[in-house]
Amino acid sequence: MLEITQSFGFEAAHMQPLAPEGHPNRRIHGHSFVAEITLRGEPGDARGMIRDFGEFETALAAIKAELDHQYLNDIESLGAPTLENLARWIFHRLHPALPELARVTIRRPTLGQSCSYERVRK
């Protein structure tokens, strides 16, 4: 089984209203995020690819536009704007267009933090 990964960066703000009183995350703040989207499979066509990277990037463009320079708390379907929910939300938004989707990893590089949401292998 092979994997290919395409990354994109986005800037977004959020706050954690359920953080303890006085915690800095209760205030609006921003992060530089990197999303890593991984497809898993076997090359299924004469080109020898799981998916053409041009097609892959096109599928990611809409989700990037939804997230870049946005206030994540305004995305109702996201729920609490945590790394965990963001990884899960992106996965479920992309899966219909990318059935080979295996994993979404969201990183906050300046903080050294990341979270991955992975498809359960059958």
PDB file of N, CA and C in Angstrom:
ATOM      1  N   MET A   1       0.844  -1.173   0.000  1.00  0.00           N
ATOM      2  CA  MET A   1       0.000   0.000   0.000  1.00  0.00           C
ATOM      3  C   MET A   1       0.894   1.242   0.000  1.00  0.00           C
ATOM      4  N   LEU A   2       0.525   2.223  -0.789  1.00  0.00           N
ATOM      5  CA  LEU A   2       1.289   3.462  -0.897  1.00  0.00           C
ATOM      6  C   LEU A   2       0.488   4.627  -0.333  1.00  0.00           C
ATOM      7  N   GLU A   3       1.194   5.677   0.061  1.00  0.00           N
ATOM      8  CA  GLU A   3       0.549   6.897   0.535  1.00  0.00           C
ATOM      9  C   GLU A   3       1.158   8.094  -0.177  1.00  0.00           C
ATOM     10  N   ILE A   4       0.314   9.073  -0.482  1.00  0.00           N
ATOM     11  CA  ILE A   4       0.783  10.369  -0.966  1.00  0.00           C
ATOM     12  C   ILE A   4       0.174  11.438  -0.066  1.00  0.00           C
ATOM     13  N   THR A   5       0.911  12.523   0.129  1.00  0.00           N
ATOM     14  CA  THR A   5       0.458  13.588   1.021  1.00  0.00           C
ATOM     15  C   THR A   5       0.609  14.934   0.335  1.00  0.00           C
ATOM     16  N   GLN A   6      -0.414  15.751   0.480  1.00  0.00           N
ATOM     17  CA  GLN A   6      -0.385  17.139   0.016  1.00  0.00           C
ATOM     18  C   GLN A   6      -0.646  18.024   1.235  1.00  0.00           C
ATOM     19  N   SER A   7       0.164  19.052   1.399  1.00  0.00           N
ATOM     20  CA  SER A   7       0.018  19.973   2.525  1.00  0.00           C
ATOM     21  C   SER A   7      -0.445  21.335   2.043  1.00  0.00           C
ATOM     22  N   PHE A   8      -1.126  22.044   2.928  1.00  0.00           N
ATOM     23  CA  PHE A   8      -1.427  23.450   2.682  1.00  0.00           C
ATOM     24  C   PHE A   8      -1.451  24.174   4.020  1.00  0.00           C
ATOM     25  N   GLY A   9      -1.096  25.433   3.971  1.00  0.00           N
ATOM     26  CA  GLY A   9      -1.100  26.248   5.174  1.00  0.00           C
ATOM     27  C   GLY A   9      -2.284  27.184   5.188  1.00  0.00           C
ATOM     28  N   PHE A  10      -2.699  27.571   6.389  1.00  0.00           N
ATOM     29  CA  PHE A  10      -3.743  28.577   6.526  1.00  0.00           C
ATOM     30  C   PHE A  10      -3.585  29.282   7.860  1.00  0.00           C
ATOM     31  N   GLU A  11      -4.063  30.504   7.880  1.00  0.00           N
ATOM     32  CA  GLU A  11      -4.046  31.327   9.085  1.00  0.00           C
ATOM     33  C   GLU A  11      -5.483  31.434   9.568  1.00  0.00           C
ATOM     34  N   ALA A  12      -5.697  31.260  10.860  1.00  0.00           N
ATOM     35  CA  ALA A  12      -7.058  31.354  11.388  1.00  0.00           C
ATOM     36  C   ALA A  12      -7.013  31.768  12.853  1.00  0.00           C
ATOM     37  N   ALA A  13      -8.114  32.354  13.284  1.00  0.00           N
ATOM     38  CA  ALA A  13      -8.261  32.761  14.681  1.00  0.00           C
ATOM     39  C   ALA A  13      -9.334  31.904  15.340  1.00  0.00           C
ATOM     40  N   HIS A  14      -9.247  31.809  16.648  1.00  0.00           N
ATOM     41  CA  HIS A  14     -10.275  31.110  17.414  1.00  0.00           C
ATOM     42  C   HIS A  14     -10.145  31.508  18.879  1.00  0.00           C
ATOM     43  N   MET A  15     -11.061  31.014  19.660  1.00  0.00           N
ATOM     44  CA  MET A  15     -10.990  31.141  21.110  1.00  0.00           C
ATOM     45  C   MET A  15     -11.609  29.888  21.705  1.00  0.00           C
ATOM     46  N   GLN A  16     -11.288  29.622  22.947  1.00  0.00           N
ATOM     47  CA  GLN A  16     -11.824  28.456  23.645  1.00  0.00           C
ATOM     48  C   GLN A  16     -12.687  28.960  24.803  1.00  0.00           C
ATOM     49  N   PRO A  17     -13.984  29.195  24.566  1.00  0.00           N
ATOM     50  CA  PRO A  17     -14.830  29.765  25.614  1.00  0.00           C
ATOM     51  C   PRO A  17     -14.996  28.861  26.834  1.00  0.00           C
ATOM     52  N   LEU A  18     -14.705  27.574  26.706  1.00  0.00           N
ATOM     53  CA  LEU A  18     -14.844  26.655  27.837  1.00  0.00           C
ATOM     54  C   LEU A  18     -13.540  26.461  28.601  1.00  0.00           C
ATOM     55  N   ALA A  19     -12.486  27.163  28.189  1.00  0.00           N
ATOM     56  CA  ALA A  19     -11.222  27.102  28.937  1.00  0.00           C
ATOM     57  C   ALA A  19     -11.453  27.713  30.322  1.00  0.00           C
ATOM     58  N   PRO A  20     -10.645  27.337  31.300  1.00  0.00           N
ATOM     59  CA  PRO A  20     -10.824  27.881  32.654  1.00  0.00           C
ATOM     60  C   PRO A  20     -10.751  29.411  32.662  1.00  0.00           C
ATOM     61  N   GLU A  21     -11.491  30.002  33.567  1.00  0.00           N
ATOM     62  CA  GLU A  21     -11.487  31.458  33.721  1.00  0.00           C
ATOM     63  C   GLU A  21     -10.053  31.957  33.869  1.00  0.00           C
ATOM     64  N   GLY A  22      -9.718  33.009  33.145  1.00  0.00           N
ATOM     65  CA  GLY A  22      -8.379  33.578  33.201  1.00  0.00           C
ATOM     66  C   GLY A  22      -7.376  32.938  32.257  1.00  0.00           C
ATOM     67  N   HIS A  23      -7.719  31.802  31.647  1.00  0.00           N
ATOM     68  CA  HIS A  23      -6.814  31.131  30.706  1.00  0.00           C
ATOM     69  C   HIS A  23      -6.691  31.983  29.446  1.00  0.00           C
ATOM     70  N   PRO A  24      -5.478  32.137  28.900  1.00  0.00           N
ATOM     71  CA  PRO A  24      -5.312  32.994  27.715  1.00  0.00           C
ATOM     72  C   PRO A  24      -6.102  32.529  26.494  1.00  0.00           C
ATOM     73  N   ASN A  25      -6.425  31.236  26.407  1.00  0.00           N
ATOM     74  CA  ASN A  25      -7.159  30.740  25.241  1.00  0.00           C
ATOM     75  C   ASN A  25      -8.628  31.152  25.242  1.00  0.00           C
ATOM     76  N   ARG A  26      -9.089  31.756  26.338  1.00  0.00           N
ATOM     77  CA  ARG A  26     -10.459  32.288  26.346  1.00  0.00           C
ATOM     78  C   ARG A  26     -10.556  33.560  25.508  1.00  0.00           C
ATOM     79  N   ARG A  27      -9.413  34.153  25.197  1.00  0.00           N
ATOM     80  CA  ARG A  27      -9.384  35.351  24.357  1.00  0.00           C
ATOM     81  C   ARG A  27      -9.153  34.937  22.899  1.00  0.00           C
ATOM     82  N   ILE A  28      -9.638  35.759  21.992  1.00  0.00           N
ATOM     83  CA  ILE A  28      -9.406  35.497  20.567  1.00  0.00           C
ATOM     84  C   ILE A  28      -7.909  35.583  20.288  1.00  0.00           C
ATOM     85  N   HIS A  29      -7.409  34.575  19.601  1.00  0.00           N
ATOM     86  CA  HIS A  29      -6.003  34.529  19.217  1.00  0.00           C
ATOM     87  C   HIS A  29      -5.893  33.751  17.908  1.00  0.00           C
ATOM     88  N   GLY A  30      -4.762  33.862  17.251  1.00  0.00           N
ATOM     89  CA  GLY A  30      -4.598  33.214  15.960  1.00  0.00           C
ATOM     90  C   GLY A  30      -3.427  32.256  15.921  1.00  0.00           C
ATOM     91  N   HIS A  31      -3.442  31.416  14.897  1.00  0.00           N
ATOM     92  CA  HIS A  31      -2.375  30.441  14.679  1.00  0.00           C
ATOM     93  C   HIS A  31      -2.080  30.345  13.190  1.00  0.00           C
ATOM     94  N   SER A  32      -0.881  29.922  12.895  1.00  0.00           N
ATOM     95  CA  SER A  32      -0.521  29.452  11.559  1.00  0.00           C
ATOM     96  C   SER A  32      -0.666  27.939  11.600  1.00  0.00           C
ATOM     97  N   PHE A  33      -1.544  27.408  10.773  1.00  0.00           N
ATOM     98  CA  PHE A  33      -1.806  25.973  10.724  1.00  0.00           C
ATOM     99  C   PHE A  33      -1.208  25.386   9.449  1.00  0.00           C
ATOM    100  N   VAL A  34      -0.858  24.107   9.508  1.00  0.00           N
ATOM    101  CA  VAL A  34      -0.501  23.337   8.320  1.00  0.00           C
ATOM    102  C   VAL A  34      -1.372  22.088   8.338  1.00  0.00           C
ATOM    103  N   ALA A  35      -2.093  21.870   7.248  1.00  0.00           N
ATOM    104  CA  ALA A  35      -2.901  20.661   7.096  1.00  0.00           C
ATOM    105  C   ALA A  35      -2.165  19.719   6.156  1.00  0.00           C
ATOM    106  N   GLU A  36      -2.014  18.479   6.582  1.00  0.00           N
ATOM    107  CA  GLU A  36      -1.398  17.441   5.749  1.00  0.00           C
ATOM    108  C   GLU A  36      -2.478  16.413   5.439  1.00  0.00           C
ATOM    109  N   ILE A  37      -2.779  16.261   4.170  1.00  0.00           N
ATOM    110  CA  ILE A  37      -3.850  15.380   3.725  1.00  0.00           C
ATOM    111  C   ILE A  37      -3.202  14.185   3.030  1.00  0.00           C
ATOM    112  N   THR A  38      -3.469  12.984   3.536  1.00  0.00           N
ATOM    113  CA  THR A  38      -2.817  11.772   3.033  1.00  0.00           C
ATOM    114  C   THR A  38      -3.834  10.839   2.394  1.00  0.00           C
ATOM    115  N   LEU A  39      -3.516  10.401   1.186  1.00  0.00           N
ATOM    116  CA  LEU A  39      -4.303   9.397   0.480  1.00  0.00           C
ATOM    117  C   LEU A  39      -3.539   8.084   0.511  1.00  0.00           C
ATOM    118  N   ARG A  40      -4.267   6.977   0.599  1.00  0.00           N
ATOM    119  CA  ARG A  40      -3.649   5.650   0.651  1.00  0.00           C
ATOM    120  C   ARG A  40      -4.286   4.769  -0.415  1.00  0.00           C
ATOM    121  N   GLY A  41      -3.457   4.007  -1.099  1.00  0.00           N
ATOM    122  CA  GLY A  41      -3.986   3.085  -2.092  1.00  0.00           C
ATOM    123  C   GLY A  41      -2.887   2.544  -2.977  1.00  0.00           C
ATOM    124  N   GLU A  42      -3.313   1.913  -4.020  1.00  0.00           N
ATOM    125  CA  GLU A  42      -2.407   1.399  -5.040  1.00  0.00           C
ATOM    126  C   GLU A  42      -2.661   2.180  -6.322  1.00  0.00           C
ATOM    127  N   PRO A  43      -1.616   2.428  -7.084  1.00  0.00           N
ATOM    128  CA  PRO A  43      -1.828   3.100  -8.368  1.00  0.00           C
ATOM    129  C   PRO A  43      -2.821   2.299  -9.199  1.00  0.00           C
ATOM    130  N   GLY A  44      -3.915   2.960  -9.584  1.00  0.00           N
ATOM    131  CA  GLY A  44      -4.991   2.225 -10.236  1.00  0.00           C
ATOM    132  C   GLY A  44      -5.177   2.531 -11.702  1.00  0.00           C
ATOM    133  N   ASP A  45      -4.261   3.279 -12.285  1.00  0.00           N
ATOM    134  CA  ASP A  45      -4.419   3.591 -13.700  1.00  0.00           C
ATOM    135  C   ASP A  45      -3.077   3.475 -14.421  1.00  0.00           C
ATOM    136  N   ALA A  46      -3.107   3.676 -15.718  1.00  0.00           N
ATOM    137  CA  ALA A  46      -1.897   3.531 -16.531  1.00  0.00           C
ATOM    138  C   ALA A  46      -0.838   4.565 -16.178  1.00  0.00           C
ATOM    139  N   ARG A  47      -1.240   5.667 -15.537  1.00  0.00           N
ATOM    140  CA  ARG A  47      -0.279   6.709 -15.154  1.00  0.00           C
ATOM    141  C   ARG A  47       0.560   6.289 -13.948  1.00  0.00           C
ATOM    142  N   GLY A  48       0.138   5.248 -13.258  1.00  0.00           N
ATOM    143  CA  GLY A  48       0.888   4.776 -12.096  1.00  0.00           C
ATOM    144  C   GLY A  48       0.710   5.644 -10.865  1.00  0.00           C
ATOM    145  N   MET A  49      -0.473   6.249 -10.710  1.00  0.00           N
ATOM    146  CA  MET A  49      -0.725   7.162  -9.597  1.00  0.00           C
ATOM    147  C   MET A  49      -1.913   6.716  -8.755  1.00  0.00           C
ATOM    148  N   ILE A  50      -1.844   7.007  -7.463  1.00  0.00           N
ATOM    149  CA  ILE A  50      -3.022   6.870  -6.609  1.00  0.00           C
ATOM    150  C   ILE A  50      -4.033   7.935  -7.031  1.00  0.00           C
ATOM    151  N   ARG A  51      -3.541   9.167  -7.195  1.00  0.00           N
ATOM    152  CA  ARG A  51      -4.330  10.297  -7.689  1.00  0.00           C
ATOM    153  C   ARG A  51      -3.356  11.342  -8.200  1.00  0.00           C
ATOM    154  N   ASP A  52      -3.706  11.987  -9.279  1.00  0.00           N
ATOM    155  CA  ASP A  52      -2.889  13.057  -9.828  1.00  0.00           C
ATOM    156  C   ASP A  52      -2.828  14.205  -8.811  1.00  0.00           C
ATOM    157  N   PHE A  53      -1.618  14.740  -8.555  1.00  0.00           N
ATOM    158  CA  PHE A  53      -1.484  15.811  -7.567  1.00  0.00           C
ATOM    159  C   PHE A  53      -2.245  17.066  -7.975  1.00  0.00           C
ATOM    160  N   GLY A  54      -2.396  17.323  -9.261  1.00  0.00           N
ATOM    161  CA  GLY A  54      -3.198  18.465  -9.701  1.00  0.00           C
ATOM    162  C   GLY A  54      -4.650  18.320  -9.279  1.00  0.00           C
ATOM    163  N   GLU A  55      -5.213  17.115  -9.464  1.00  0.00           N
ATOM    164  CA  GLU A  55      -6.583  16.835  -9.017  1.00  0.00           C
ATOM    165  C   GLU A  55      -6.680  16.927  -7.498  1.00  0.00           C
ATOM    166  N   PHE A  56      -5.666  16.430  -6.823  1.00  0.00           N
ATOM    167  CA  PHE A  56      -5.600  16.438  -5.362  1.00  0.00           C
ATOM    168  C   PHE A  56      -5.660  17.886  -4.861  1.00  0.00           C
ATOM    169  N   GLU A  57      -4.819  18.751  -5.426  1.00  0.00           N
ATOM    170  CA  GLU A  57      -4.786  20.155  -5.012  1.00  0.00           C
ATOM    171  C   GLU A  57      -6.117  20.852  -5.283  1.00  0.00           C
ATOM    172  N   THR A  58      -6.748  20.535  -6.397  1.00  0.00           N
ATOM    173  CA  THR A  58      -8.051  21.123  -6.714  1.00  0.00           C
ATOM    174  C   THR A  58      -9.082  20.740  -5.660  1.00  0.00           C
ATOM    175  N   ALA A  59      -9.065  19.488  -5.217  1.00  0.00           N
ATOM    176  CA  ALA A  59     -10.005  19.035  -4.189  1.00  0.00           C
ATOM    177  C   ALA A  59      -9.776  19.749  -2.858  1.00  0.00           C
ATOM    178  N   LEU A  60      -8.540  20.170  -2.596  1.00  0.00           N
ATOM    179  CA  LEU A  60      -8.221  20.840  -1.331  1.00  0.00           C
ATOM    180  C   LEU A  60      -8.488  22.341  -1.358  1.00  0.00           C
ATOM    181  N   ALA A  61      -8.589  22.923  -2.539  1.00  0.00           N
ATOM    182  CA  ALA A  61      -8.700  24.383  -2.656  1.00  0.00           C
ATOM    183  C   ALA A  61      -9.917  24.941  -1.927  1.00  0.00           C
ATOM    184  N   ALA A  62     -11.059  24.281  -2.026  1.00  0.00           N
ATOM    185  CA  ALA A  62     -12.276  24.803  -1.391  1.00  0.00           C
ATOM    186  C   ALA A  62     -12.165  24.784   0.125  1.00  0.00           C
ATOM    187  N   ILE A  63     -11.607  23.717   0.679  1.00  0.00           N
ATOM    188  CA  ILE A  63     -11.492  23.636   2.141  1.00  0.00           C
ATOM    189  C   ILE A  63     -10.496  24.672   2.646  1.00  0.00           C
ATOM    190  N   LYS A  64      -9.423  24.884   1.895  1.00  0.00           N
ATOM    191  CA  LYS A  64      -8.464  25.914   2.291  1.00  0.00           C
ATOM    192  C   LYS A  64      -9.134  27.283   2.297  1.00  0.00           C
ATOM    193  N   ALA A  65      -9.926  27.575   1.276  1.00  0.00           N
ATOM    194  CA  ALA A  65     -10.617  28.866   1.202  1.00  0.00           C
ATOM    195  C   ALA A  65     -11.589  29.043   2.366  1.00  0.00           C
ATOM    196  N   GLU A  66     -12.209  27.953   2.818  1.00  0.00           N
ATOM    197  CA  GLU A  66     -13.136  28.032   3.956  1.00  0.00           C
ATOM    198  C   GLU A  66     -12.424  28.348   5.262  1.00  0.00           C
ATOM    199  N   LEU A  67     -11.141  27.978   5.355  1.00  0.00           N
ATOM    200  CA  LEU A  67     -10.409  28.103   6.617  1.00  0.00           C
ATOM    201  C   LEU A  67      -9.469  29.296   6.685  1.00  0.00           C
ATOM    202  N   ASP A  68      -8.885  29.675   5.564  1.00  0.00           N
ATOM    203  CA  ASP A  68      -7.823  30.680   5.582  1.00  0.00           C
ATOM    204  C   ASP A  68      -8.362  32.062   5.956  1.00  0.00           C
ATOM    205  N   HIS A  69      -7.717  32.673   6.947  1.00  0.00           N
ATOM    206  CA  HIS A  69      -8.082  33.993   7.462  1.00  0.00           C
ATOM    207  C   HIS A  69      -9.539  34.041   7.931  1.00  0.00           C
ATOM    208  N   GLN A  70      -9.948  32.980   8.619  1.00  0.00           N
ATOM    209  CA  GLN A  70     -11.301  32.900   9.160  1.00  0.00           C
ATOM    210  C   GLN A  70     -11.259  32.810  10.682  1.00  0.00           C
ATOM    211  N   TYR A  71     -12.410  33.058  11.277  1.00  0.00           N
ATOM    212  CA  TYR A  71     -12.614  32.880  12.715  1.00  0.00           C
ATOM    213  C   TYR A  71     -13.281  31.517  12.881  1.00  0.00           C
ATOM    214  N   LEU A  72     -12.532  30.534  13.357  1.00  0.00           N
ATOM    215  CA  LEU A  72     -13.000  29.147  13.378  1.00  0.00           C
ATOM    216  C   LEU A  72     -14.263  28.958  14.207  1.00  0.00           C
ATOM    217  N   ASN A  73     -14.478  29.778  15.222  1.00  0.00           N
ATOM    218  CA  ASN A  73     -15.683  29.661  16.041  1.00  0.00           C
ATOM    219  C   ASN A  73     -16.949  29.924  15.232  1.00  0.00           C
ATOM    220  N   ASP A  74     -16.842  30.589  14.087  1.00  0.00           N
ATOM    221  CA  ASP A  74     -18.006  30.867  13.246  1.00  0.00           C
ATOM    222  C   ASP A  74     -18.418  29.675  12.390  1.00  0.00           C
ATOM    223  N   ILE A  75     -17.616  28.625  12.339  1.00  0.00           N
ATOM    224  CA  ILE A  75     -17.951  27.435  11.543  1.00  0.00           C
ATOM    225  C   ILE A  75     -18.765  26.504  12.439  1.00  0.00           C
ATOM    226  N   GLU A  76     -20.096  26.585  12.326  1.00  0.00           N
ATOM    227  CA  GLU A  76     -20.985  25.855  13.231  1.00  0.00           C
ATOM    228  C   GLU A  76     -20.743  24.353  13.229  1.00  0.00           C
ATOM    229  N   SER A  77     -20.526  23.780  12.057  1.00  0.00           N
ATOM    230  CA  SER A  77     -20.371  22.326  11.976  1.00  0.00           C
ATOM    231  C   SER A  77     -19.053  21.831  12.560  1.00  0.00           C
ATOM    232  N   LEU A  78     -18.135  22.748  12.877  1.00  0.00           N
ATOM    233  CA  LEU A  78     -16.850  22.369  13.466  1.00  0.00           C
ATOM    234  C   LEU A  78     -16.978  22.049  14.949  1.00  0.00           C
ATOM    235  N   GLY A  79     -17.894  22.702  15.635  1.00  0.00           N
ATOM    236  CA  GLY A  79     -17.967  22.560  17.089  1.00  0.00           C
ATOM    237  C   GLY A  79     -16.858  23.380  17.720  1.00  0.00           C
ATOM    238  N   ALA A  80     -16.385  22.949  18.873  1.00  0.00           N
ATOM    239  CA  ALA A  80     -15.280  23.647  19.535  1.00  0.00           C
ATOM    240  C   ALA A  80     -14.064  23.612  18.613  1.00  0.00           C
ATOM    241  N   PRO A  81     -13.418  24.746  18.371  1.00  0.00           N
ATOM    242  CA  PRO A  81     -12.323  24.798  17.396  1.00  0.00           C
ATOM    243  C   PRO A  81     -10.995  24.279  17.945  1.00  0.00           C
ATOM    244  N   THR A  82     -10.963  22.987  18.237  1.00  0.00           N
ATOM    245  CA  THR A  82      -9.755  22.324  18.728  1.00  0.00           C
ATOM    246  C   THR A  82      -9.034  21.661  17.557  1.00  0.00           C
ATOM    247  N   LEU A  83      -7.769  21.296  17.768  1.00  0.00           N
ATOM    248  CA  LEU A  83      -7.055  20.543  16.731  1.00  0.00           C
ATOM    249  C   LEU A  83      -7.791  19.248  16.407  1.00  0.00           C
ATOM    250  N   GLU A  84      -8.308  18.593  17.442  1.00  0.00           N
ATOM    251  CA  GLU A  84      -9.005  17.321  17.254  1.00  0.00           C
ATOM    252  C   GLU A  84     -10.220  17.485  16.347  1.00  0.00           C
ATOM    253  N   ASN A  85     -11.062  18.473  16.672  1.00  0.00           N
ATOM    254  CA  ASN A  85     -12.261  18.685  15.862  1.00  0.00           C
ATOM    255  C   ASN A  85     -11.924  19.167  14.461  1.00  0.00           C
ATOM    256  N   LEU A  86     -10.889  19.969  14.335  1.00  0.00           N
ATOM    257  CA  LEU A  86     -10.483  20.465  13.022  1.00  0.00           C
ATOM    258  C   LEU A  86     -10.020  19.317  12.121  1.00  0.00           C
ATOM    259  N   ALA A  87      -9.218  18.405  12.652  1.00  0.00           N
ATOM    260  CA  ALA A  87      -8.757  17.252  11.866  1.00  0.00           C
ATOM    261  C   ALA A  87      -9.933  16.388  11.431  1.00  0.00           C
ATOM    262  N   ARG A  88     -10.857  16.116  12.345  1.00  0.00           N
ATOM    263  CA  ARG A  88     -12.031  15.286  12.036  1.00  0.00           C
ATOM    264  C   ARG A  88     -12.934  15.989  11.011  1.00  0.00           C
ATOM    265  N   TRP A  89     -13.159  17.291  11.202  1.00  0.00           N
ATOM    266  CA  TRP A  89     -14.032  18.068  10.322  1.00  0.00           C
ATOM    267  C   TRP A  89     -13.491  18.083   8.894  1.00  0.00           C
ATOM    268  N   ILE A  90     -12.193  18.344   8.749  1.00  0.00           N
ATOM    269  CA  ILE A  90     -11.584  18.359   7.417  1.00  0.00           C
ATOM    270  C   ILE A  90     -11.694  16.982   6.771  1.00  0.00           C
ATOM    271  N   PHE A  91     -11.428  15.931   7.535  1.00  0.00           N
ATOM    272  CA  PHE A  91     -11.517  14.570   6.995  1.00  0.00           C
ATOM    273  C   PHE A  91     -12.906  14.323   6.406  1.00  0.00           C
ATOM    274  N   HIS A  92     -13.935  14.597   7.194  1.00  0.00           N
ATOM    275  CA  HIS A  92     -15.297  14.299   6.738  1.00  0.00           C
ATOM    276  C   HIS A  92     -15.752  15.220   5.607  1.00  0.00           C
ATOM    277  N   ARG A  93     -15.209  16.409   5.520  1.00  0.00           N
ATOM    278  CA  ARG A  93     -15.527  17.309   4.412  1.00  0.00           C
ATOM    279  C   ARG A  93     -14.867  16.829   3.121  1.00  0.00           C
ATOM    280  N   LEU A  94     -13.666  16.280   3.199  1.00  0.00           N
ATOM    281  CA  LEU A  94     -12.919  15.869   2.009  1.00  0.00           C
ATOM    282  C   LEU A  94     -13.242  14.456   1.530  1.00  0.00           C
ATOM    283  N   HIS A  95     -13.647  13.576   2.427  1.00  0.00           N
ATOM    284  CA  HIS A  95     -13.795  12.163   2.074  1.00  0.00           C
ATOM    285  C   HIS A  95     -14.709  11.910   0.873  1.00  0.00           C
ATOM    286  N   PRO A  96     -15.842  12.610   0.720  1.00  0.00           N
ATOM    287  CA  PRO A  96     -16.670  12.340  -0.467  1.00  0.00           C
ATOM    288  C   PRO A  96     -15.932  12.588  -1.791  1.00  0.00           C
ATOM    289  N   ALA A  97     -15.082  13.599  -1.844  1.00  0.00           N
ATOM    290  CA  ALA A  97     -14.345  13.911  -3.078  1.00  0.00           C
ATOM    291  C   ALA A  97     -13.064  13.102  -3.213  1.00  0.00           C
ATOM    292  N   LEU A  98     -12.562  12.595  -2.091  1.00  0.00           N
ATOM    293  CA  LEU A  98     -11.297  11.852  -2.078  1.00  0.00           C
ATOM    294  C   LEU A  98     -11.508  10.522  -1.352  1.00  0.00           C
ATOM    295  N   PRO A  99     -12.098   9.530  -2.013  1.00  0.00           N
ATOM    296  CA  PRO A  99     -12.373   8.265  -1.328  1.00  0.00           C
ATOM    297  C   PRO A  99     -11.114   7.538  -0.853  1.00  0.00           C
ATOM    298  N   GLU A 100      -9.949   7.899  -1.397  1.00  0.00           N
ATOM    299  CA  GLU A 100      -8.689   7.282  -0.966  1.00  0.00           C
ATOM    300  C   GLU A 100      -8.152   7.926   0.314  1.00  0.00           C
ATOM    301  N   LEU A 101      -8.871   8.910   0.845  1.00  0.00           N
ATOM    302  CA  LEU A 101      -8.406   9.650   2.016  1.00  0.00           C
ATOM    303  C   LEU A 101      -8.137   8.704   3.180  1.00  0.00           C
ATOM    304  N   ALA A 102      -6.942   8.794   3.732  1.00  0.00           N
ATOM    305  CA  ALA A 102      -6.533   7.920   4.832  1.00  0.00           C
ATOM    306  C   ALA A 102      -6.333   8.681   6.136  1.00  0.00           C
ATOM    307  N   ARG A 103      -5.806   9.916   6.036  1.00  0.00           N
ATOM    308  CA  ARG A 103      -5.439  10.623   7.268  1.00  0.00           C
ATOM    309  C   ARG A 103      -5.402  12.127   7.016  1.00  0.00           C
ATOM    310  N   VAL A 104      -5.816  12.868   8.023  1.00  0.00           N
ATOM    311  CA  VAL A 104      -5.660  14.323   8.041  1.00  0.00           C
ATOM    312  C   VAL A 104      -4.877  14.668   9.294  1.00  0.00           C
ATOM    313  N   THR A 105      -3.778  15.374   9.123  1.00  0.00           N
ATOM    314  CA  THR A 105      -2.979  15.854  10.250  1.00  0.00           C
ATOM    315  C   THR A 105      -2.999  17.373  10.218  1.00  0.00           C
ATOM    316  N   ILE A 106      -3.296  17.960  11.358  1.00  0.00           N
ATOM    317  CA  ILE A 106      -3.276  19.415  11.507  1.00  0.00           C
ATOM    318  C   ILE A 106      -2.138  19.752  12.444  1.00  0.00           C
ATOM    319  N   ARG A 107      -1.283  20.665  12.008  1.00  0.00           N
ATOM    320  CA  ARG A 107      -0.126  21.082  12.808  1.00  0.00           C
ATOM    321  C   ARG A 107      -0.204  22.572  13.117  1.00  0.00           C
ATOM    322  N   ARG A 108       0.287  22.908  14.297  1.00  0.00           N
ATOM    323  CA  ARG A 108       0.577  24.291  14.664  1.00  0.00           C
ATOM    324  C   ARG A 108       2.081  24.318  14.898  1.00  0.00           C
ATOM    325  N   PRO A 109       2.852  24.502  13.820  1.00  0.00           N
ATOM    326  CA  PRO A 109       4.311  24.336  13.891  1.00  0.00           C
ATOM    327  C   PRO A 109       4.997  25.218  14.929  1.00  0.00           C
ATOM    328  N   THR A 110       4.540  26.451  15.085  1.00  0.00           N
ATOM    329  CA  THR A 110       5.217  27.340  16.031  1.00  0.00           C
ATOM    330  C   THR A 110       5.065  26.867  17.466  1.00  0.00           C
ATOM    331  N   LEU A 111       4.044  26.043  17.728  1.00  0.00           N
ATOM    332  CA  LEU A 111       3.827  25.500  19.070  1.00  0.00           C
ATOM    333  C   LEU A 111       4.293  24.053  19.195  1.00  0.00           C
ATOM    334  N   GLY A 112       4.680  23.435  18.076  1.00  0.00           N
ATOM    335  CA  GLY A 112       5.098  22.034  18.102  1.00  0.00           C
ATOM    336  C   GLY A 112       3.949  21.076  18.368  1.00  0.00           C
ATOM    337  N   GLN A 113       2.728  21.463  17.982  1.00  0.00           N
ATOM    338  CA  GLN A 113       1.538  20.659  18.264  1.00  0.00           C
ATOM    339  C   GLN A 113       0.948  20.098  16.982  1.00  0.00           C
ATOM    340  N   SER A 114       0.345  18.910  17.099  1.00  0.00           N
ATOM    341  CA  SER A 114      -0.349  18.330  15.950  1.00  0.00           C
ATOM    342  C   SER A 114      -1.397  17.342  16.428  1.00  0.00           C
ATOM    343  N   CYS A 115      -2.319  17.044  15.531  1.00  0.00           N
ATOM    344  CA  CYS A 115      -3.345  16.034  15.779  1.00  0.00           C
ATOM    345  C   CYS A 115      -3.661  15.372  14.448  1.00  0.00           C
ATOM    346  N   SER A 116      -3.834  14.055  14.463  1.00  0.00           N
ATOM    347  CA  SER A 116      -4.181  13.313  13.248  1.00  0.00           C
ATOM    348  C   SER A 116      -5.496  12.587  13.437  1.00  0.00           C
ATOM    349  N   TYR A 117      -6.291  12.578  12.388  1.00  0.00           N
ATOM    350  CA  TYR A 117      -7.522  11.797  12.339  1.00  0.00           C
ATOM    351  C   TYR A 117      -7.349  10.827  11.189  1.00  0.00           C
ATOM    352  N   GLU A 118      -7.541   9.548  11.469  1.00  0.00           N
ATOM    353  CA  GLU A 118      -7.231   8.516  10.487  1.00  0.00           C
ATOM    354  C   GLU A 118      -8.430   7.625  10.235  1.00  0.00           C
ATOM    355  N   ARG A 119      -8.594   7.257   8.979  1.00  0.00           N
ATOM    356  CA  ARG A 119      -9.633   6.303   8.604  1.00  0.00           C
ATOM    357  C   ARG A 119      -9.298   4.952   9.220  1.00  0.00           C
ATOM    358  N   VAL A 120     -10.297   4.278   9.723  1.00  0.00           N
ATOM    359  CA  VAL A 120     -10.095   2.937  10.261  1.00  0.00           C
ATOM    360  C   VAL A 120      -9.933   1.988   9.085  1.00  0.00           C
ATOM    361  N   ARG A 121      -8.859   1.232   9.102  1.00  0.00           N
ATOM    362  CA  ARG A 121      -8.611   0.268   8.017  1.00  0.00           C
ATOM    363  C   ARG A 121      -9.496  -0.941   8.205  1.00  0.00           C
ATOM    364  N   LYS A 122     -10.055  -1.406   7.087  1.00  0.00           N
ATOM    365  CA  LYS A 122     -10.935  -2.587   7.138  1.00  0.00           C
ATOM    366  C   LYS A 122     -10.208  -3.799   6.641  1.00  0.00           C
TER     367      LYS A 122
END
